[in-house]
Amino acid sequence: MKPAVSMWSLEAEITKNGWSQSDFIKWADTNNIKNVELVSYYMDRENNIESVCSLIKELNIEVSCYTILNDFVTSSEDCMDNFRKDLNNASVLGASFVRVLTGEPEGSDAVDRKIMIQRFKQAADAAGNKEITLVIENIGSLSGHSKEAVAIIEEVDSPYLRINFDTANPLLADEDPVDALKHMLPYISYVHLKDFITEKSPDFSKYSEAQWRIQTSRNEVKMTGITPGKGDVDLNRIFEILKENNYSGFVSAEYENDIDAEDATRHSINFVKNSTGIN
């Protein structure tokens, strides 16, 4: 397994201190992590892909994944043009993986599943032409549960569309993360290491909504992001299963909260390194 860190982990620091992509990459290098997950939102904002490419080459950094904010359920046909632009950026950056989403229906709009699947097939074909694998994250109303994510993978039926397993996101779909991992395992090509503590835990009362980023599951269970090993996700068992099944891909630390983001991200990186046996 290969440790990585997602730029999203430091979103609070980036917002507060005005960090650029270059600042994040240098931070990763200083913290002895050579695989970074970049996010299209920041690339679009800065529009500086040439300087980012120069920096990762200088520091011998690999872009483990390029995370994009695509929407394949929208009625707008521009979605495929936007996707192709993001895919091209991923290729220029040398990323082997692009994290994708389904998108979310607006209001009471019904999802045309046939169109969504057709767009995923087109996207996978385009990615294959660039030797890039798309990884759909288990998140949202259409792919948050393992059964939903697997159904999309099997319906699209392309080697260039796999799953980005986020260790905590099953809780948002009221699913046990270990059960979700077992169901998605044959299709997992990328992993986000994340932990949540839910209101079912006696310690949850420490985390006030005034300070912490509170999320709610489909069944209205409240939860918040926390440093790995302190929450409700059985991360030790998840790593055991990954090792038992010879998973050798990236494990990207992704802290999801606003409190102490920098220290928590360092802790997350160390947790990944210790769990994978790579220091």
Foldseek 3Di string as FASTA:
>chain_A
DAEEAEPQLCVLVCVVVVDAPLNVCVLCVVLPHQEYEAEVVRCVVVVPLVVVLVSNVVSVHAHQEYEYEAEQQDPDPCRLVVLVVSLVSCLSRVYQEYEYEHHADDDPDDGPVVSSLVSVLVSLVSNVVSNHAYAYELADDQRVALVRVVVSCVSSVHLRYAHAYEQASNVLQVDASVVSCVSRVVRHAHYEDWAKAWPVDPPPVVDDVVFKPWDAHPVGIIIGTDQPPPHDGPVLVVLVVCVVVPRDGYYYYHTDINPPSVVSSSSSSVVVCVSVVHD
